[in-house]
Amino acid sequence: MKKIAFIHEKFPVGGAERVTLDIVKYLHKNKTDYRCFVFATKFVENLCTPEVKEAFEVRIIPQREGRTEAVEKLIVEEGIDLVIQVVQPLTGIEGVAERTGCKVMFANHGEPFWQRYSIIRKRRRRLLNRLFWHFGVKRKYVKNGRAREIAVERTLQHYNGCDAYTVLCEGYKQTTCQAFGIKPEESKIHVIENSERIVENVTYDKEKIIMYCGRLENVSKRLDRLLRIWGKVQDCLPDYKLLIVGDGDYRGAMEKQIAKERLQRVEMLGWQSDVEQFFRKASIVCLTSQTEGWPLCLTEAQAHGCIPVAFGCSDGIKDVLSPSGVNGFVVTPFDEDEYAETLLKIAGLSEEERLAIRKSAVLKRAEYAPEIIMKKWKNLFDLVLSQK
């Protein structure tokens, strides 16, 4: 029996966590030679059914100080053969691998070098930094690309400490290899898309609902854009409403923006245990993010016969929605007027035209069927563990 462990923060909250759940359920259901663990800072037990809990074991680890040491201790105690870092790399993981002999993987669920956005945000966080931001610092970190350079350096360090590194689409692999100066065919980068479930009895008869579903945070999701766009179209779409499904620290700011801009027919529904009920009803699913890897809300929208719309800020989004106008709509980053025009265009289509897009989107989802994607993960685990 081979033992593998996935490292997370709060589990199983979020898209990357959903991917891990899909993997462990597949390995358990198919009675493979793998025993799965999740090392997490917090386990939200009520989000897992009893059947799902049978597929893995949870071990709690610190969030920051002592995190790597705790993981190393668990690797030794549990006899872990392969550890998978998900989204956030462990500091000093290279030494852990050397000391324990455990294989190490990194699963990048974002676009390449997404860290550049957090680097820029940290440069502007303190008052003194904000004062100097517009006097040379912005040019250095944004226009001259210093933030991206730092992100590439950090990513290369993580890559060098791994036995395998996964990205979400071929475009991400090409971008990463080019930045590293290595040939794609000689790299240890593997492309594995996120899977999407099959929805039985898709509802094509939709209500006049435009929906966002996800975390309420504004660094990456940029929900302020979504509300501004709704303000541009709400008077032209009097029969439509905007549903916000999800919760997070940005909720209060959104409520203030709704009141300040006098936005109408916006419903903040908070966290929901059953989001499928809203996908079954929604006509359009919106994403206005600054950065995304492979947004599961878009493939989930496709699976439910919704029409997804997003800024083309990454190769992942473009892959999911391509060709634009057939399986969804890709909007020029970050043109809010064009986004508003796209929503009006969709609302103005005939029922037959909208139905054609919905059915095409459902077929596109089949490319990411769990049985296809989960086999890729198992094959990669087999490959890594077979290497000396």
Protein backbone atom coordinates (compact mmCIF):
# COMPACT_ATOMS: atom_id res chain seq x y z
CA MET A 1 0.00 0.00 0.00
CA LYS A 2 1.42 3.39 -1.06
CA LYS A 3 0.66 6.40 1.10
CA ILE A 4 0.13 9.88 -0.31
CA ALA A 5 -0.65 13.14 1.50
CA PHE A 6 -2.17 16.40 0.22
CA ILE A 7 -1.27 19.63 2.04
CA HIS A 8 -4.03 22.24 2.40
CA GLU A 9 -5.10 25.17 4.54
CA LYS A 10 -8.82 25.02 5.36
CA PHE A 11 -10.26 21.79 3.97
CA PRO A 12 -12.41 21.13 1.98
CA VAL A 13 -13.27 24.78 1.27
CA GLY A 14 -12.47 25.99 -2.26
CA GLY A 15 -11.82 24.77 -5.78
CA ALA A 16 -8.39 23.22 -5.18
CA GLU A 17 -9.82 21.33 -2.22
CA ARG A 18 -12.60 20.01 -4.41
CA VAL A 19 -10.00 18.63 -6.80
CA THR A 20 -8.27 16.80 -3.95
CA LEU A 21 -11.62 15.35 -2.86
CA ASP A 22 -12.24 14.09 -6.39
CA ILE A 23 -8.80 12.43 -6.45
CA VAL A 24 -9.11 10.65 -3.11
CA LYS A 25 -12.66 9.50 -3.87
CA TYR A 26 -11.51 8.06 -7.20
CA LEU A 27 -8.56 6.23 -5.66
CA HIS A 28 -10.77 4.84 -2.89
CA LYS A 29 -13.70 3.88 -5.09
CA ASN A 30 -11.51 2.05 -7.59
CA LYS A 31 -9.70 0.15 -4.81
CA THR A 32 -6.28 1.32 -5.96
CA ASP A 33 -3.07 0.64 -4.08
CA TYR A 34 -3.16 4.10 -2.48
CA ARG A 35 -4.02 5.23 1.03
CA CYS A 36 -4.73 8.96 1.17
CA PHE A 37 -4.11 11.57 3.85
CA VAL A 38 -4.92 15.27 4.02
CA PHE A 39 -2.65 17.49 6.12
CA ALA A 40 -4.69 20.65 6.80
CA THR A 41 -4.75 23.59 9.19
CA LYS A 42 -8.49 23.16 9.66
CA PHE A 43 -10.91 20.37 8.72
CA VAL A 44 -14.54 21.42 8.13
CA GLU A 45 -16.00 18.01 8.82
CA ASN A 46 -19.62 18.86 8.05
CA LEU A 47 -18.73 19.50 4.39
CA CYS A 48 -17.91 15.81 3.90
CA THR A 49 -20.42 12.98 3.82
CA PRO A 50 -19.66 9.78 5.79
CA GLU A 51 -18.91 8.01 2.49
CA VAL A 52 -16.38 10.67 1.50
CA LYS A 53 -14.66 10.56 4.90
CA GLU A 54 -13.87 6.89 4.30
CA ALA A 55 -11.65 7.88 1.36
CA PHE A 56 -8.98 9.71 3.38
CA GLU A 57 -7.57 10.47 6.82
CA VAL A 58 -7.03 13.99 8.17
CA ARG A 59 -4.07 15.23 10.18
CA ILE A 60 -4.05 18.81 11.54
CA ILE A 61 -0.92 20.93 11.03
CA PRO A 62 0.01 24.51 12.08
CA GLN A 63 -0.88 27.35 9.73
CA ARG A 64 2.48 29.11 9.85
CA GLU A 65 5.19 28.59 12.47
CA GLY A 66 6.31 24.98 12.70
CA ARG A 67 4.29 23.96 9.64
CA THR A 68 7.10 22.31 7.69
CA GLU A 69 8.42 20.57 10.81
CA ALA A 70 4.95 19.18 11.53
CA VAL A 71 4.64 17.87 7.98
CA GLU A 72 8.06 16.21 8.21
CA LYS A 73 7.09 14.54 11.47
CA LEU A 74 3.86 13.21 9.95
CA ILE A 75 5.71 11.96 6.87
CA VAL A 76 7.92 9.85 9.11
CA GLU A 77 5.19 8.71 11.51
CA GLU A 78 2.71 7.73 8.81
CA GLY A 79 5.29 6.43 6.33
CA ILE A 80 4.20 8.79 3.54
CA ASP A 81 5.64 7.94 0.13
CA LEU A 82 4.47 11.03 -1.77
CA VAL A 83 3.42 14.46 -0.53
CA ILE A 84 1.50 16.87 -2.78
CA GLN A 85 1.72 20.57 -2.05
CA VAL A 86 -1.49 22.23 -3.22
CA VAL A 87 -1.47 25.93 -4.20
CA GLN A 88 0.97 27.07 -1.48
CA PRO A 89 4.49 25.58 -1.31
CA LEU A 90 6.06 24.62 2.00
CA THR A 91 9.11 26.58 3.08
CA GLY A 92 12.06 24.21 3.36
CA ILE A 93 10.25 21.29 1.72
CA GLU A 94 13.43 20.44 -0.21
CA GLY A 95 15.16 19.49 3.02
CA VAL A 96 12.19 17.40 4.10
CA ALA A 97 12.42 15.37 0.93
CA GLU A 98 16.14 14.77 1.43
CA ARG A 99 15.78 13.77 5.06
CA THR A 100 12.77 11.47 4.68
CA GLY A 101 13.13 10.11 1.16
CA CYS A 102 9.52 11.09 0.46
CA LYS A 103 8.69 12.12 -3.11
CA VAL A 104 7.40 15.70 -3.53
CA MET A 105 4.90 17.15 -5.99
CA PHE A 106 3.48 20.62 -6.43
CA ALA A 107 -0.03 21.15 -7.85
CA ASN A 108 -0.34 24.70 -9.19
CA HIS A 109 -4.06 25.51 -9.35
CA GLY A 110 -3.43 29.10 -10.43
CA GLU A 111 -2.02 30.74 -13.51
CA PRO A 112 1.79 30.81 -13.74
CA PHE A 113 3.44 33.37 -11.47
CA TRP A 114 0.19 34.46 -9.86
CA GLN A 115 2.28 35.49 -6.84
CA ARG A 116 3.08 38.76 -8.62
CA TYR A 117 -0.29 40.14 -7.56
CA SER A 118 0.31 39.45 -3.86
CA ILE A 119 3.83 40.90 -4.17
CA ILE A 120 2.38 44.14 -5.56
CA ARG A 121 -0.33 44.19 -2.88
CA LYS A 122 2.26 43.81 -0.11
CA ARG A 123 4.31 46.67 -1.56
CA ARG A 124 1.26 48.93 -1.19
CA ARG A 125 0.03 47.67 2.18
CA ARG A 126 1.89 50.04 4.52
CA LEU A 127 1.25 53.77 4.50
CA LEU A 128 4.87 54.67 3.68
CA ASN A 129 4.87 52.25 0.75
CA ARG A 130 1.62 53.75 -0.56
CA LEU A 131 3.15 57.23 -0.43
CA PHE A 132 6.09 56.12 -2.59
CA TRP A 133 4.02 53.82 -4.85
CA HIS A 134 3.40 56.42 -7.56
CA PHE A 135 6.95 57.79 -7.39
CA GLY A 136 8.87 55.03 -9.12
CA VAL A 137 7.84 51.93 -7.19
CA LYS A 138 4.80 51.24 -9.38
CA ARG A 139 6.88 51.55 -12.53
CA LYS A 140 9.51 49.18 -11.16
CA TYR A 141 7.13 46.48 -9.93
CA VAL A 142 4.33 46.70 -12.49
CA LYS A 143 5.46 48.31 -15.73
CA ASN A 144 9.07 47.08 -15.60
CA GLY A 145 8.01 43.65 -14.37
CA ARG A 146 9.96 43.34 -11.12
CA ALA A 147 7.01 41.64 -9.40
CA ARG A 148 6.88 39.01 -12.13
CA GLU A 149 10.64 38.50 -11.93
CA ILE A 150 10.38 37.77 -8.20
CA ALA A 151 7.45 35.40 -8.83
CA VAL A 152 9.45 33.54 -11.50
CA GLU A 153 12.43 33.20 -9.14
CA ARG A 154 10.26 31.79 -6.36
CA THR A 155 8.43 29.43 -8.71
CA LEU A 156 11.70 28.12 -10.15
CA GLN A 157 12.92 27.39 -6.62
CA HIS A 158 9.73 25.41 -5.92
CA TYR A 159 10.03 23.61 -9.25
CA ASN A 160 13.63 22.58 -8.56
CA GLY A 161 12.58 21.07 -5.22
CA CYS A 162 9.90 18.83 -6.73
CA ASP A 163 9.82 15.47 -8.45
CA ALA A 164 6.80 16.61 -10.49
CA TYR A 165 4.99 19.90 -11.06
CA THR A 166 1.45 20.15 -12.44
CA VAL A 167 -0.26 22.98 -14.31
CA LEU A 168 -3.81 23.31 -15.59
CA CYS A 169 -3.38 23.71 -19.35
CA GLU A 170 -0.82 23.48 -22.13
CA GLY A 171 -0.51 27.27 -22.34
CA TYR A 172 0.61 27.38 -18.70
CA LYS A 173 3.26 24.76 -19.38
CA GLN A 174 4.63 26.71 -22.34
CA THR A 175 4.68 29.97 -20.36
CA THR A 176 6.42 28.38 -17.38
CA CYS A 177 9.04 26.60 -19.46
CA GLN A 178 9.79 29.75 -21.43
CA ALA A 179 10.32 31.73 -18.21
CA PHE A 180 12.59 28.98 -16.83
CA GLY A 181 14.54 28.66 -20.07
CA ILE A 182 13.88 24.92 -20.40
CA LYS A 183 12.41 22.80 -23.19
CA PRO A 184 8.83 21.63 -22.47
CA GLU A 185 9.64 18.07 -23.51
CA GLU A 186 12.55 17.96 -21.06
CA SER A 187 10.65 19.44 -18.12
CA LYS A 188 8.95 17.68 -15.21
CA ILE A 189 5.81 19.77 -15.77
CA HIS A 190 2.61 17.80 -16.36
CA VAL A 191 -0.71 19.19 -17.65
CA ILE A 192 -3.78 18.01 -15.71
CA GLU A 193 -7.00 19.96 -16.09
CA ASN A 194 -9.57 20.21 -13.31
CA SER A 195 -12.40 17.71 -13.63
CA GLU A 196 -16.09 18.54 -13.78
CA ARG A 197 -18.94 16.31 -12.75
CA ILE A 198 -21.68 15.07 -15.03
CA VAL A 199 -25.04 16.71 -14.31
CA GLU A 200 -27.97 14.43 -14.85
CA ASN A 201 -31.11 15.93 -16.41
CA VAL A 202 -29.69 19.36 -17.24
CA THR A 203 -32.26 22.15 -16.95
CA TYR A 204 -32.24 24.24 -20.14
CA ASP A 205 -35.33 26.24 -19.22
CA LYS A 206 -33.59 28.96 -17.24
CA GLU A 207 -34.81 31.91 -15.22
CA LYS A 208 -33.65 35.47 -15.85
CA ILE A 209 -30.81 35.25 -13.35
CA ILE A 210 -27.20 36.45 -13.65
CA MET A 211 -25.09 34.77 -10.98
CA TYR A 212 -21.70 34.87 -9.30
CA CYS A 213 -20.70 31.86 -7.19
CA GLY A 214 -17.49 31.80 -5.18
CA ARG A 215 -15.45 33.45 -2.45
CA LEU A 216 -16.21 37.07 -1.63
CA GLU A 217 -12.72 38.55 -1.78
CA ASN A 218 -11.45 41.32 -4.01
CA VAL A 219 -7.74 40.74 -4.54
CA SER A 220 -8.24 38.11 -7.24
CA LYS A 221 -12.04 37.99 -7.75
CA ARG A 222 -12.50 41.76 -8.22
CA LEU A 223 -16.19 41.75 -7.34
CA ASP A 224 -16.22 45.56 -7.42
CA ARG A 225 -16.07 45.16 -11.21
CA LEU A 226 -19.05 42.84 -11.25
CA LEU A 227 -21.18 45.34 -9.33
CA ARG A 228 -20.14 48.22 -11.58
CA ILE A 229 -20.99 46.15 -14.65
CA TRP A 230 -24.39 45.31 -13.17
CA GLY A 231 -24.94 49.03 -12.67
CA LYS A 232 -24.39 49.55 -16.39
CA VAL A 233 -26.98 46.94 -17.45
CA GLN A 234 -29.61 46.82 -14.70
CA ASP A 235 -31.89 49.42 -16.32
CA CYS A 236 -31.67 47.62 -19.68
CA LEU A 237 -32.50 44.26 -18.10
CA PRO A 238 -35.44 45.02 -15.82
CA ASP A 239 -36.55 41.37 -15.76
CA TYR A 240 -33.15 40.08 -14.61
CA LYS A 241 -31.64 39.90 -11.12
CA LEU A 242 -28.08 39.41 -9.89
CA LEU A 243 -27.45 36.63 -7.37
CA ILE A 244 -24.26 36.58 -5.30
CA VAL A 245 -23.71 33.08 -3.87
CA GLY A 246 -20.84 32.78 -1.41
CA ASP A 247 -19.30 34.50 1.56
CA GLY A 248 -16.07 36.14 2.60
CA ASP A 249 -14.35 39.20 4.04
CA TYR A 250 -15.40 41.43 1.14
CA ARG A 251 -19.13 41.05 1.75
CA GLY A 252 -19.41 44.23 3.80
CA ALA A 253 -17.66 46.30 1.14
CA MET A 254 -20.00 44.88 -1.50
CA GLU A 255 -23.07 45.80 0.53
CA LYS A 256 -21.74 49.37 0.85
CA GLN A 257 -21.09 49.57 -2.90
CA ILE A 258 -24.61 48.28 -3.64
CA ALA A 259 -26.10 50.99 -1.44
CA LYS A 260 -23.79 53.78 -2.66
CA GLU A 261 -24.40 53.06 -6.36
CA ARG A 262 -28.10 52.36 -5.77
CA LEU A 263 -27.95 48.98 -7.43
CA GLN A 264 -31.25 47.21 -7.85
CA ARG A 265 -32.26 43.53 -7.72
CA VAL A 266 -28.99 42.31 -6.18
CA GLU A 267 -29.41 39.42 -3.75
CA MET A 268 -26.54 38.47 -1.42
CA LEU A 269 -27.31 34.86 -0.51
CA GLY A 270 -24.20 34.04 1.53
CA TRP A 271 -22.68 30.59 1.81
CA GLN A 272 -24.93 27.79 0.54
CA SER A 273 -24.54 24.05 1.12
CA ASP A 274 -26.41 23.31 -2.12
CA VAL A 275 -25.17 25.57 -4.92
CA GLU A 276 -26.54 23.31 -7.64
CA GLN A 277 -30.05 24.67 -7.07
CA PHE A 278 -28.81 28.08 -8.23
CA PHE A 279 -26.87 26.74 -11.23
CA ARG A 280 -30.04 24.95 -12.34
CA LYS A 281 -31.88 28.27 -12.42
CA ALA A 282 -29.20 30.73 -13.57
CA SER A 283 -29.12 31.83 -17.18
CA ILE A 284 -25.68 33.50 -17.06
CA VAL A 285 -22.71 32.90 -14.73
CA CYS A 286 -20.23 35.77 -14.39
CA LEU A 287 -16.58 35.95 -13.37
CA THR A 288 -14.70 39.29 -13.30
CA SER A 289 -11.41 38.13 -11.78
CA GLN A 290 -7.98 39.70 -12.07
CA THR A 291 -6.33 36.28 -12.07
CA GLU A 292 -7.64 32.72 -12.35
CA GLY A 293 -6.11 29.32 -12.98
CA TRP A 294 -8.94 27.06 -14.09
CA PRO A 295 -12.19 28.43 -12.60
CA LEU A 296 -14.42 25.58 -11.53
CA CYS A 297 -17.42 27.91 -11.45
CA LEU A 298 -17.13 28.22 -15.25
CA THR A 299 -17.01 24.48 -15.92
CA GLU A 300 -19.78 23.97 -13.36
CA ALA A 301 -21.83 26.56 -15.24
CA GLN A 302 -21.22 24.67 -18.48
CA ALA A 303 -22.20 21.37 -16.88
CA HIS A 304 -25.52 22.90 -15.80
CA GLY A 305 -26.27 24.48 -19.17
CA CYS A 306 -25.60 28.05 -18.03
CA ILE A 307 -23.81 30.57 -20.26
CA PRO A 308 -20.49 31.57 -18.62
CA VAL A 309 -18.86 34.99 -19.17
CA ALA A 310 -15.37 35.97 -17.99
CA PHE A 311 -12.47 38.28 -18.72
CA GLY A 312 -9.84 36.43 -20.75
CA CYS A 313 -7.16 37.09 -18.13
CA SER A 314 -5.54 33.64 -18.40
CA ASP A 315 -5.01 30.72 -20.76
CA GLY A 316 -7.12 28.59 -18.43
CA ILE A 317 -10.22 30.76 -18.89
CA LYS A 318 -9.67 30.91 -22.64
CA ASP A 319 -9.37 27.12 -22.83
CA VAL A 320 -12.56 26.54 -20.84
CA LEU A 321 -14.66 29.01 -22.83
CA SER A 322 -13.20 28.50 -26.30
CA PRO A 323 -14.38 29.12 -28.86
CA SER A 324 -15.87 32.31 -27.48
CA GLY A 325 -19.49 32.70 -28.42
CA VAL A 326 -19.96 28.93 -28.67
CA ASN A 327 -19.19 27.58 -25.17
CA GLY A 328 -19.40 30.87 -23.33
CA PHE A 329 -18.03 34.37 -23.84
CA VAL A 330 -14.49 35.69 -23.33
CA VAL A 331 -14.26 39.45 -22.72
CA THR A 332 -11.16 41.60 -23.30
CA PRO A 333 -9.39 42.15 -19.93
CA PHE A 334 -10.57 44.32 -18.17
CA ASP A 335 -13.02 46.20 -20.36
CA GLU A 336 -16.12 46.67 -18.21
CA ASP A 337 -18.06 48.35 -21.03
CA GLU A 338 -17.44 45.37 -23.32
CA TYR A 339 -18.48 43.03 -20.50
CA ALA A 340 -21.75 44.94 -20.06
CA GLU A 341 -22.36 44.84 -23.83
CA THR A 342 -21.76 41.07 -23.78
CA LEU A 343 -24.42 40.57 -21.10
CA LEU A 344 -26.88 42.64 -23.11
CA LYS A 345 -26.00 40.66 -26.22
CA ILE A 346 -26.71 37.33 -24.50
CA ALA A 347 -29.99 38.61 -23.09
CA GLY A 348 -30.96 39.76 -26.58
CA LEU A 349 -30.37 36.39 -28.25
CA SER A 350 -33.31 34.28 -29.31
CA GLU A 351 -34.23 31.25 -27.20
CA GLU A 352 -32.90 28.99 -29.96
CA GLU A 353 -29.55 30.79 -30.02
CA ARG A 354 -29.16 30.61 -26.25
CA LEU A 355 -30.15 26.95 -26.23
CA ALA A 356 -27.45 26.16 -28.82
CA ILE A 357 -24.79 27.74 -26.58
CA ARG A 358 -26.07 25.91 -23.51
CA LYS A 359 -25.98 22.52 -25.24
CA SER A 360 -22.52 23.18 -26.69
CA ALA A 361 -21.23 24.14 -23.22
CA VAL A 362 -22.55 20.87 -21.76
CA LEU A 363 -20.67 18.94 -24.45
CA LYS A 364 -17.48 20.93 -23.74
CA ARG A 365 -17.65 19.85 -20.10
CA ALA A 366 -17.33 16.23 -21.23
CA GLU A 367 -13.66 16.91 -22.05
CA TYR A 368 -13.04 17.21 -18.31
CA ALA A 369 -14.99 14.16 -17.19
CA PRO A 370 -13.76 12.81 -13.82
CA GLU A 371 -12.90 9.39 -15.22
CA ILE A 372 -10.53 11.05 -17.72
CA ILE A 373 -8.86 13.54 -15.38
CA MET A 374 -8.54 11.19 -12.37
CA LYS A 375 -6.71 8.62 -14.49
CA LYS A 376 -4.17 11.32 -15.33
CA TRP A 377 -3.55 11.91 -11.61
CA LYS A 378 -3.16 8.22 -10.83
CA ASN A 379 -0.81 7.72 -13.78
CA LEU A 380 1.31 10.62 -12.55
CA PHE A 381 1.45 9.23 -9.00
CA ASP A 382 2.51 5.86 -10.43
CA LEU A 383 5.20 7.54 -12.54
CA VAL A 384 6.66 9.62 -9.68
CA LEU A 385 6.75 6.72 -7.25
CA SER A 386 8.40 4.44 -9.83
CA GLN A 387 11.34 6.83 -10.21
CA LYS A 388 14.46 6.17 -8.19
